[in-house]
Amino acid sequence: MILDISRKLHLEQRHLLGNWATDLCRKISMQSPSMAREVVKLAVHLTPAPDDMILVCEIAAELKKLMNSGKDISRDSSDTFHIVNCKTKSSLAAVCLQMVELSLTELDWGLGKLKAMLTLGYSSANIDEDQPADERTQRLALEEALYTRSTLVVHALSSFAHMSLKGRL
């Protein structure tokens, strides 16, 4: 339901609401994993791309710090995102991985669209010369969006890789 509502908002409204929800994640401490999960989902879904994945990366980095702090009792919550703490860490890790999975689905769709743009009707050796300027601009924008999204997915997943490898090295 949140995703449907967020898609119907104008970009400016979505950005304002996303900032508000992100501020909640930064300033409010919650002990309920289910409430924390829903607030983070709200923040991510209301934040326009690519800032949504930047938020996921930031939360994943805070989870990594918290989970890698080991037996350091003085660190039971994040200094940056107060919603990230010992009680909510597993739930929020699941949310971050769910957002990464959604991004991978979007990347798959975008790559298919890019492939279609490159192969449909353009069989010449130099695609840029034969394509109309607006189609070339659309293709370049899609390439940039795919690059940005895939880079952010890698950053988010790298935090999880560090969490998994910390105890095994």
N, C-alpha and C. Protein backbone atom coordinates (compact mmCIF):
# COMPACT_ATOMS: atom_id res chain seq x y z
N MET A 1 0.82 -1.17 0.00
CA MET A 1 0.00 0.00 0.00
C MET A 1 0.88 1.27 0.00
N ILE A 2 1.94 1.26 0.81
CA ILE A 2 2.84 2.41 0.88
C ILE A 2 3.48 2.66 -0.48
N LEU A 3 3.89 1.58 -1.14
CA LEU A 3 4.53 1.70 -2.45
C LEU A 3 3.57 2.32 -3.46
N ASP A 4 2.31 1.90 -3.44
CA ASP A 4 1.31 2.47 -4.35
C ASP A 4 1.10 3.95 -4.10
N ILE A 5 1.00 4.32 -2.84
CA ILE A 5 0.80 5.73 -2.48
C ILE A 5 2.01 6.54 -2.90
N SER A 6 3.21 6.02 -2.64
CA SER A 6 4.42 6.78 -2.95
C SER A 6 4.58 7.01 -4.45
N ARG A 7 4.10 6.09 -5.26
CA ARG A 7 4.20 6.25 -6.71
C ARG A 7 3.23 7.29 -7.25
N LYS A 8 2.17 7.58 -6.50
CA LYS A 8 1.18 8.55 -6.95
C LYS A 8 1.53 9.99 -6.55
N LEU A 9 2.49 10.14 -5.66
CA LEU A 9 2.88 11.47 -5.20
C LEU A 9 3.78 12.14 -6.22
N HIS A 10 3.70 13.46 -6.27
CA HIS A 10 4.64 14.23 -7.09
C HIS A 10 6.02 14.08 -6.49
N LEU A 11 7.04 14.24 -7.29
CA LEU A 11 8.42 14.04 -6.85
C LEU A 11 8.77 14.93 -5.66
N GLU A 12 8.33 16.17 -5.68
CA GLU A 12 8.64 17.09 -4.59
C GLU A 12 7.98 16.64 -3.29
N GLN A 13 6.71 16.22 -3.36
CA GLN A 13 6.01 15.72 -2.17
C GLN A 13 6.66 14.45 -1.66
N ARG A 14 7.02 13.58 -2.58
CA ARG A 14 7.65 12.32 -2.20
C ARG A 14 8.98 12.57 -1.51
N HIS A 15 9.73 13.54 -2.04
CA HIS A 15 11.03 13.86 -1.46
C HIS A 15 10.85 14.43 -0.04
N LEU A 16 9.88 15.30 0.15
CA LEU A 16 9.62 15.87 1.49
C LEU A 16 9.22 14.78 2.49
N LEU A 17 8.31 13.92 2.08
CA LEU A 17 7.87 12.84 2.97
C LEU A 17 8.99 11.83 3.23
N GLY A 18 9.80 11.57 2.20
CA GLY A 18 10.95 10.68 2.37
C GLY A 18 11.96 11.24 3.36
N ASN A 19 12.21 12.55 3.27
CA ASN A 19 13.12 13.20 4.23
C ASN A 19 12.56 13.14 5.65
N TRP A 20 11.24 13.35 5.78
CA TRP A 20 10.61 13.27 7.09
C TRP A 20 10.75 11.86 7.68
N ALA A 21 10.47 10.85 6.88
CA ALA A 21 10.56 9.47 7.36
C ALA A 21 12.02 9.09 7.66
N THR A 22 12.95 9.58 6.87
CA THR A 22 14.37 9.32 7.13
C THR A 22 14.80 9.98 8.43
N ASP A 23 14.31 11.18 8.69
CA ASP A 23 14.61 11.85 9.96
C ASP A 23 14.07 11.05 11.14
N LEU A 24 12.91 10.42 10.97
CA LEU A 24 12.39 9.54 12.03
C LEU A 24 13.38 8.41 12.31
N CYS A 25 13.92 7.83 11.25
CA CYS A 25 14.88 6.73 11.41
C CYS A 25 16.15 7.21 12.12
N ARG A 26 16.53 8.43 11.86
CA ARG A 26 17.75 8.97 12.47
C ARG A 26 17.55 9.37 13.93
N LYS A 27 16.36 9.88 14.28
CA LYS A 27 16.16 10.51 15.59
C LYS A 27 15.38 9.70 16.60
N ILE A 28 14.55 8.77 16.12
CA ILE A 28 13.67 8.03 17.02
C ILE A 28 14.27 6.65 17.32
N SER A 29 14.31 6.32 18.58
CA SER A 29 14.76 5.00 19.00
C SER A 29 13.54 4.12 19.24
N MET A 30 13.54 2.94 18.63
CA MET A 30 12.43 2.00 18.78
C MET A 30 12.97 0.66 19.24
N GLN A 31 12.19 0.00 20.05
CA GLN A 31 12.60 -1.32 20.53
C GLN A 31 11.82 -2.43 19.84
N SER A 32 10.74 -2.07 19.18
CA SER A 32 9.89 -3.06 18.50
C SER A 32 10.43 -3.32 17.09
N PRO A 33 10.88 -4.55 16.82
CA PRO A 33 11.40 -4.85 15.48
C PRO A 33 10.38 -4.62 14.37
N SER A 34 9.12 -4.95 14.63
CA SER A 34 8.11 -4.79 13.58
C SER A 34 7.82 -3.31 13.30
N MET A 35 7.78 -2.49 14.33
CA MET A 35 7.57 -1.05 14.12
C MET A 35 8.77 -0.44 13.40
N ALA A 36 9.97 -0.82 13.80
CA ALA A 36 11.18 -0.30 13.15
C ALA A 36 11.21 -0.69 11.69
N ARG A 37 10.85 -1.93 11.42
CA ARG A 37 10.82 -2.42 10.04
C ARG A 37 9.87 -1.58 9.19
N GLU A 38 8.69 -1.30 9.70
CA GLU A 38 7.70 -0.54 8.94
C GLU A 38 8.13 0.91 8.73
N VAL A 39 8.77 1.51 9.71
CA VAL A 39 9.23 2.89 9.57
C VAL A 39 10.34 2.97 8.52
N VAL A 40 11.26 2.01 8.53
CA VAL A 40 12.33 2.01 7.54
C VAL A 40 11.76 1.75 6.14
N LYS A 41 10.81 0.84 6.03
CA LYS A 41 10.16 0.60 4.73
C LYS A 41 9.49 1.88 4.23
N LEU A 42 8.81 2.57 5.13
CA LEU A 42 8.16 3.82 4.77
C LEU A 42 9.19 4.82 4.25
N ALA A 43 10.29 4.96 4.97
CA ALA A 43 11.33 5.90 4.56
C ALA A 43 11.90 5.55 3.19
N VAL A 44 12.18 4.28 2.98
CA VAL A 44 12.78 3.86 1.71
C VAL A 44 11.80 4.05 0.56
N HIS A 45 10.56 3.64 0.75
CA HIS A 45 9.57 3.74 -0.33
C HIS A 45 9.18 5.18 -0.65
N LEU A 46 9.27 6.07 0.33
CA LEU A 46 8.92 7.46 0.08
C LEU A 46 10.10 8.29 -0.42
N THR A 47 11.28 7.72 -0.41
CA THR A 47 12.46 8.42 -0.90
C THR A 47 12.67 8.08 -2.36
N PRO A 48 12.76 9.10 -3.22
CA PRO A 48 12.94 8.82 -4.65
C PRO A 48 14.32 8.23 -4.95
N ALA A 49 14.40 7.49 -6.04
CA ALA A 49 15.67 6.92 -6.49
C ALA A 49 16.59 8.04 -6.95
N PRO A 50 17.85 7.93 -6.80
CA PRO A 50 18.64 6.85 -6.19
C PRO A 50 18.80 7.00 -4.68
N ASP A 51 18.18 8.05 -4.11
CA ASP A 51 18.34 8.29 -2.67
C ASP A 51 17.77 7.16 -1.81
N ASP A 52 16.81 6.41 -2.35
CA ASP A 52 16.27 5.28 -1.59
C ASP A 52 17.34 4.23 -1.31
N MET A 53 18.14 3.93 -2.32
CA MET A 53 19.21 2.94 -2.13
C MET A 53 20.37 3.52 -1.34
N ILE A 54 20.58 4.82 -1.41
CA ILE A 54 21.60 5.45 -0.56
C ILE A 54 21.21 5.27 0.90
N LEU A 55 19.93 5.45 1.20
CA LEU A 55 19.43 5.23 2.55
C LEU A 55 19.65 3.77 2.98
N VAL A 56 19.34 2.84 2.10
CA VAL A 56 19.55 1.42 2.40
C VAL A 56 21.03 1.16 2.69
N CYS A 57 21.91 1.73 1.87
CA CYS A 57 23.36 1.57 2.07
C CYS A 57 23.79 2.13 3.42
N GLU A 58 23.27 3.29 3.79
CA GLU A 58 23.62 3.91 5.07
C GLU A 58 23.15 3.06 6.24
N ILE A 59 21.95 2.54 6.16
CA ILE A 59 21.43 1.69 7.23
C ILE A 59 22.22 0.38 7.30
N ALA A 60 22.54 -0.19 6.14
CA ALA A 60 23.33 -1.42 6.11
C ALA A 60 24.72 -1.20 6.72
N ALA A 61 25.32 -0.04 6.44
CA ALA A 61 26.63 0.28 7.03
C ALA A 61 26.53 0.39 8.55
N GLU A 62 25.43 0.98 9.03
CA GLU A 62 25.24 1.08 10.49
C GLU A 62 24.99 -0.29 11.10
N LEU A 63 24.25 -1.13 10.39
CA LEU A 63 24.04 -2.51 10.87
C LEU A 63 25.38 -3.25 10.95
N LYS A 64 26.22 -3.04 9.95
CA LYS A 64 27.54 -3.67 9.94
C LYS A 64 28.35 -3.24 11.16
N LYS A 65 28.35 -1.95 11.46
CA LYS A 65 29.08 -1.45 12.63
C LYS A 65 28.55 -2.07 13.91
N LEU A 66 27.22 -2.14 14.00
CA LEU A 66 26.60 -2.68 15.21
C LEU A 66 26.87 -4.17 15.36
N MET A 67 26.73 -4.90 14.28
CA MET A 67 26.93 -6.35 14.35
C MET A 67 28.40 -6.73 14.50
N ASN A 68 29.28 -5.91 13.98
CA ASN A 68 30.71 -6.20 14.09
C ASN A 68 31.32 -5.67 15.37
N SER A 69 30.53 -4.96 16.17
CA SER A 69 31.06 -4.45 17.43
C SER A 69 31.29 -5.59 18.42
N GLY A 70 30.77 -6.77 18.08
CA GLY A 70 31.02 -7.97 18.88
C GLY A 70 30.49 -7.85 20.28
N LYS A 71 31.37 -8.06 21.23
CA LYS A 71 30.95 -8.07 22.63
C LYS A 71 31.13 -6.70 23.29
N ASP A 72 31.32 -5.68 22.47
CA ASP A 72 31.45 -4.31 22.97
C ASP A 72 30.09 -3.86 23.50
N ILE A 73 29.94 -3.93 24.80
CA ILE A 73 28.66 -3.63 25.44
C ILE A 73 28.28 -2.16 25.29
N SER A 74 29.27 -1.30 25.15
CA SER A 74 28.97 0.13 25.06
C SER A 74 28.26 0.49 23.75
N ARG A 75 28.26 -0.40 22.81
CA ARG A 75 27.63 -0.10 21.51
C ARG A 75 26.40 -1.00 21.32
N ASP A 76 25.24 -0.49 21.72
CA ASP A 76 24.02 -1.26 21.53
C ASP A 76 23.06 -0.60 20.56
N SER A 77 23.45 0.59 20.02
CA SER A 77 22.64 1.24 18.99
C SER A 77 23.54 2.11 18.13
N SER A 78 23.01 2.48 16.99
CA SER A 78 23.73 3.32 16.04
C SER A 78 23.72 4.77 16.50
N ASP A 79 24.81 5.47 16.24
CA ASP A 79 24.86 6.89 16.55
C ASP A 79 24.17 7.72 15.47
N THR A 80 24.11 7.18 14.26
CA THR A 80 23.53 7.91 13.13
C THR A 80 22.04 7.64 12.96
N PHE A 81 21.67 6.37 13.03
CA PHE A 81 20.26 5.96 12.90
C PHE A 81 19.84 5.33 14.23
N HIS A 82 19.14 6.09 15.05
CA HIS A 82 18.75 5.60 16.38
C HIS A 82 17.77 4.43 16.30
N ILE A 83 17.16 4.24 15.15
CA ILE A 83 16.23 3.12 14.97
C ILE A 83 16.99 1.79 14.89
N VAL A 84 18.28 1.86 14.57
CA VAL A 84 19.13 0.66 14.47
C VAL A 84 19.71 0.38 15.86
N ASN A 85 19.28 -0.74 16.44
CA ASN A 85 19.79 -1.14 17.75
C ASN A 85 19.80 -2.66 17.84
N CYS A 86 20.22 -3.17 18.97
CA CYS A 86 20.35 -4.62 19.14
C CYS A 86 19.03 -5.37 18.96
N LYS A 87 17.94 -4.75 19.33
CA LYS A 87 16.64 -5.42 19.22
C LYS A 87 16.07 -5.37 17.80
N THR A 88 16.45 -4.36 17.02
CA THR A 88 15.86 -4.19 15.68
C THR A 88 16.80 -4.62 14.56
N LYS A 89 18.04 -4.96 14.87
CA LYS A 89 19.04 -5.19 13.83
C LYS A 89 18.66 -6.31 12.86
N SER A 90 18.14 -7.41 13.33
CA SER A 90 17.79 -8.52 12.42
C SER A 90 16.63 -8.15 11.51
N SER A 91 15.65 -7.50 12.09
CA SER A 91 14.49 -7.07 11.31
C SER A 91 14.89 -6.06 10.24
N LEU A 92 15.76 -5.12 10.59
CA LEU A 92 16.20 -4.10 9.64
C LEU A 92 17.13 -4.68 8.59
N ALA A 93 17.91 -5.68 8.96
CA ALA A 93 18.75 -6.36 7.96
C ALA A 93 17.87 -7.03 6.92
N ALA A 94 16.78 -7.63 7.36
CA ALA A 94 15.84 -8.27 6.43
C ALA A 94 15.21 -7.23 5.49
N VAL A 95 14.88 -6.05 6.02
CA VAL A 95 14.31 -4.99 5.18
C VAL A 95 15.33 -4.54 4.14
N CYS A 96 16.56 -4.35 4.56
CA CYS A 96 17.60 -3.92 3.61
C CYS A 96 17.79 -4.94 2.50
N LEU A 97 17.81 -6.21 2.87
CA LEU A 97 17.95 -7.25 1.85
C LEU A 97 16.74 -7.31 0.93
N GLN A 98 15.57 -7.06 1.47
CA GLN A 98 14.36 -7.01 0.65
C GLN A 98 14.44 -5.85 -0.35
N MET A 99 14.95 -4.71 0.07
CA MET A 99 15.09 -3.56 -0.82
C MET A 99 16.14 -3.83 -1.89
N VAL A 100 17.20 -4.55 -1.54
CA VAL A 100 18.20 -4.93 -2.52
C VAL A 100 17.58 -5.86 -3.56
N GLU A 101 16.77 -6.80 -3.09
CA GLU A 101 16.09 -7.72 -4.00
C GLU A 101 15.17 -6.97 -4.96
N LEU A 102 14.43 -5.99 -4.46
CA LEU A 102 13.58 -5.17 -5.33
C LEU A 102 14.42 -4.40 -6.35
N SER A 103 15.56 -3.90 -5.91
CA SER A 103 16.45 -3.18 -6.83
C SER A 103 17.00 -4.09 -7.91
N LEU A 104 17.30 -5.33 -7.55
CA LEU A 104 17.78 -6.28 -8.55
C LEU A 104 16.71 -6.56 -9.60
N THR A 105 15.46 -6.62 -9.17
CA THR A 105 14.35 -6.80 -10.10
C THR A 105 14.25 -5.59 -11.03
N GLU A 106 14.39 -4.38 -10.46
CA GLU A 106 14.36 -3.17 -11.28
C GLU A 106 15.53 -3.14 -12.27
N LEU A 107 16.70 -3.57 -11.82
CA LEU A 107 17.87 -3.61 -12.69
C LEU A 107 17.65 -4.58 -13.85
N ASP A 108 17.06 -5.72 -13.54
CA ASP A 108 16.78 -6.71 -14.59
C ASP A 108 15.84 -6.13 -15.63
N TRP A 109 14.80 -5.44 -15.18
CA TRP A 109 13.85 -4.80 -16.10
C TRP A 109 14.57 -3.73 -16.92
N GLY A 110 15.38 -2.91 -16.26
CA GLY A 110 16.09 -1.83 -16.95
C GLY A 110 17.09 -2.35 -17.98
N LEU A 111 17.76 -3.43 -17.64
CA LEU A 111 18.71 -4.01 -18.60
C LEU A 111 17.98 -4.57 -19.82
N GLY A 112 16.83 -5.16 -19.59
CA GLY A 112 16.02 -5.64 -20.72
C GLY A 112 15.57 -4.51 -21.61
N LYS A 113 15.17 -3.40 -20.99
CA LYS A 113 14.75 -2.22 -21.76
C LYS A 113 15.93 -1.64 -22.53
N LEU A 114 17.09 -1.58 -21.91
CA LEU A 114 18.29 -1.07 -22.59
C LEU A 114 18.68 -1.97 -23.76
N LYS A 115 18.59 -3.26 -23.54
CA LYS A 115 18.90 -4.21 -24.62
C LYS A 115 17.95 -4.00 -25.79
N ALA A 116 16.67 -3.82 -25.49
CA ALA A 116 15.68 -3.58 -26.55
C ALA A 116 15.97 -2.28 -27.29
N MET A 117 16.38 -1.26 -26.55
CA MET A 117 16.70 0.03 -27.18
C MET A 117 17.88 -0.12 -28.14
N LEU A 118 18.83 -0.95 -27.74
CA LEU A 118 20.04 -1.10 -28.54
C LEU A 118 19.85 -2.02 -29.74
N THR A 119 18.94 -2.97 -29.64
CA THR A 119 18.80 -3.95 -30.72
C THR A 119 17.63 -3.68 -31.66
N LEU A 120 16.58 -3.04 -31.18
CA LEU A 120 15.40 -2.82 -32.01
C LEU A 120 15.64 -1.72 -33.04
N GLY A 121 15.74 -2.10 -34.24
CA GLY A 121 15.80 -1.12 -35.31
C GLY A 121 17.14 -0.45 -35.53
N TYR A 122 18.13 -0.81 -34.77
CA TYR A 122 19.43 -0.17 -34.91
C TYR A 122 20.49 -1.22 -35.22
N SER A 123 20.66 -1.50 -36.44
CA SER A 123 21.63 -2.53 -36.82
C SER A 123 22.90 -1.92 -37.42
N SER A 124 23.01 -0.61 -37.39
CA SER A 124 24.20 0.02 -37.97
C SER A 124 25.38 -0.12 -37.02
N ALA A 125 26.56 0.14 -37.54
CA ALA A 125 27.78 0.00 -36.75
C ALA A 125 27.87 1.08 -35.68
N ASN A 126 27.39 2.28 -35.96
CA ASN A 126 27.47 3.37 -35.00
C ASN A 126 26.06 3.79 -34.60
N ILE A 127 25.61 3.30 -33.48
CA ILE A 127 24.24 3.52 -33.02
C ILE A 127 23.96 4.99 -32.78
N ASP A 128 24.90 5.71 -32.17
CA ASP A 128 24.66 7.10 -31.82
C ASP A 128 24.37 7.99 -33.02
N GLU A 129 24.93 7.69 -34.17
CA GLU A 129 24.70 8.53 -35.34
C GLU A 129 23.31 8.32 -35.93
N ASP A 130 22.79 7.11 -35.88
CA ASP A 130 21.50 6.81 -36.49
C ASP A 130 20.31 7.06 -35.57
N GLN A 131 20.52 7.13 -34.26
CA GLN A 131 19.42 7.34 -33.33
C GLN A 131 19.03 8.81 -33.26
N PRO A 132 17.74 9.07 -33.18
CA PRO A 132 17.30 10.45 -32.93
C PRO A 132 17.84 10.93 -31.57
N ALA A 133 18.03 12.23 -31.43
CA ALA A 133 18.64 12.78 -30.22
C ALA A 133 17.86 12.44 -28.95
N ASP A 134 16.52 12.48 -29.00
CA ASP A 134 15.74 12.18 -27.79
C ASP A 134 15.87 10.72 -27.37
N GLU A 135 15.94 9.80 -28.32
CA GLU A 135 16.14 8.39 -27.99
C GLU A 135 17.52 8.15 -27.41
N ARG A 136 18.50 8.84 -27.95
CA ARG A 136 19.87 8.72 -27.45
C ARG A 136 19.94 9.26 -26.02
N THR A 137 19.26 10.37 -25.77
CA THR A 137 19.23 10.97 -24.44
C THR A 137 18.55 10.02 -23.45
N GLN A 138 17.45 9.41 -23.86
CA GLN A 138 16.75 8.44 -23.01
C GLN A 138 17.66 7.24 -22.71
N ARG A 139 18.35 6.76 -23.71
CA ARG A 139 19.24 5.61 -23.52
C ARG A 139 20.37 5.96 -22.55
N LEU A 140 20.96 7.12 -22.73
CA LEU A 140 22.05 7.54 -21.84
C LEU A 140 21.57 7.73 -20.41
N ALA A 141 20.37 8.28 -20.25
CA ALA A 141 19.79 8.44 -18.91
C ALA A 141 19.53 7.08 -18.26
N LEU A 142 19.03 6.13 -19.05
CA LEU A 142 18.80 4.79 -18.54
C LEU A 142 20.12 4.12 -18.16
N GLU A 143 21.13 4.27 -18.98
CA GLU A 143 22.44 3.70 -18.67
C GLU A 143 22.98 4.27 -17.36
N GLU A 144 22.85 5.57 -17.18
CA GLU A 144 23.33 6.22 -15.96
C GLU A 144 22.55 5.73 -14.74
N ALA A 145 21.23 5.61 -14.88
CA ALA A 145 20.40 5.13 -13.77
C ALA A 145 20.76 3.69 -13.41
N LEU A 146 20.98 2.86 -14.42
CA LEU A 146 21.36 1.46 -14.17
C LEU A 146 22.72 1.39 -13.48
N TYR A 147 23.65 2.20 -13.93
CA TYR A 147 24.98 2.22 -13.32
C TYR A 147 24.89 2.65 -11.85
N THR A 148 24.17 3.72 -11.58
CA THR A 148 24.03 4.23 -10.21
C THR A 148 23.37 3.19 -9.32
N ARG A 149 22.28 2.60 -9.81
CA ARG A 149 21.54 1.62 -9.02
C ARG A 149 22.40 0.39 -8.72
N SER A 150 23.09 -0.11 -9.74
CA SER A 150 23.91 -1.32 -9.54
C SER A 150 25.07 -1.04 -8.59
N THR A 151 25.65 0.16 -8.66
CA THR A 151 26.73 0.51 -7.73
C THR A 151 26.22 0.54 -6.29
N LEU A 152 25.05 1.11 -6.09
CA LEU A 152 24.48 1.17 -4.75
C LEU A 152 24.10 -0.22 -4.23
N VAL A 153 23.62 -1.09 -5.10
CA VAL A 153 23.32 -2.46 -4.69
C VAL A 153 24.59 -3.16 -4.21
N VAL A 154 25.68 -2.96 -4.95
CA VAL A 154 26.96 -3.57 -4.56
C VAL A 154 27.41 -3.04 -3.20
N HIS A 155 27.28 -1.74 -2.98
CA HIS A 155 27.67 -1.16 -1.69
C HIS A 155 26.84 -1.73 -0.55
N ALA A 156 25.53 -1.85 -0.76
CA ALA A 156 24.67 -2.41 0.28
C ALA A 156 25.05 -3.86 0.57
N LEU A 157 25.25 -4.63 -0.48
CA LEU A 157 25.61 -6.04 -0.28
C LEU A 157 26.99 -6.21 0.33
N SER A 158 27.89 -5.27 0.07
CA SER A 158 29.23 -5.38 0.66
C SER A 158 29.18 -5.26 2.17
N SER A 159 28.25 -4.47 2.70
CA SER A 159 28.09 -4.38 4.15
C SER A 159 27.68 -5.73 4.72
N PHE A 160 26.79 -6.42 4.01
CA PHE A 160 26.36 -7.74 4.48
C PHE A 160 27.48 -8.77 4.35
N ALA A 161 28.29 -8.64 3.32
CA ALA A 161 29.44 -9.54 3.17
C ALA A 161 30.42 -9.34 4.32
N HIS A 162 30.66 -8.10 4.71
CA HIS A 162 31.56 -7.83 5.84
C HIS A 162 30.99 -8.38 7.14
N MET A 163 29.66 -8.29 7.31
CA MET A 163 29.03 -8.84 8.52
C MET A 163 29.24 -10.34 8.58
N SER A 164 29.09 -11.02 7.45
CA SER A 164 29.21 -12.48 7.42
C SER A 164 30.65 -12.94 7.58
N LEU A 165 31.59 -12.19 7.03
CA LEU A 165 32.98 -12.62 7.03
C LEU A 165 33.73 -12.23 8.30
N LYS A 166 33.23 -11.31 9.08
CA LYS A 166 33.93 -10.81 10.25
C LYS A 166 34.36 -11.92 11.18
N GLY A 167 33.50 -12.85 11.48
CA GLY A 167 33.82 -13.92 12.42
C GLY A 167 34.57 -15.09 11.79
N ARG A 168 34.75 -15.07 10.49
CA ARG A 168 35.35 -16.23 9.82
C ARG A 168 36.78 -15.98 9.35
N LEU A 169 37.27 -14.77 9.49
CA LEU A 169 38.62 -14.47 9.02
C LEU A 169 39.66 -14.60 10.08
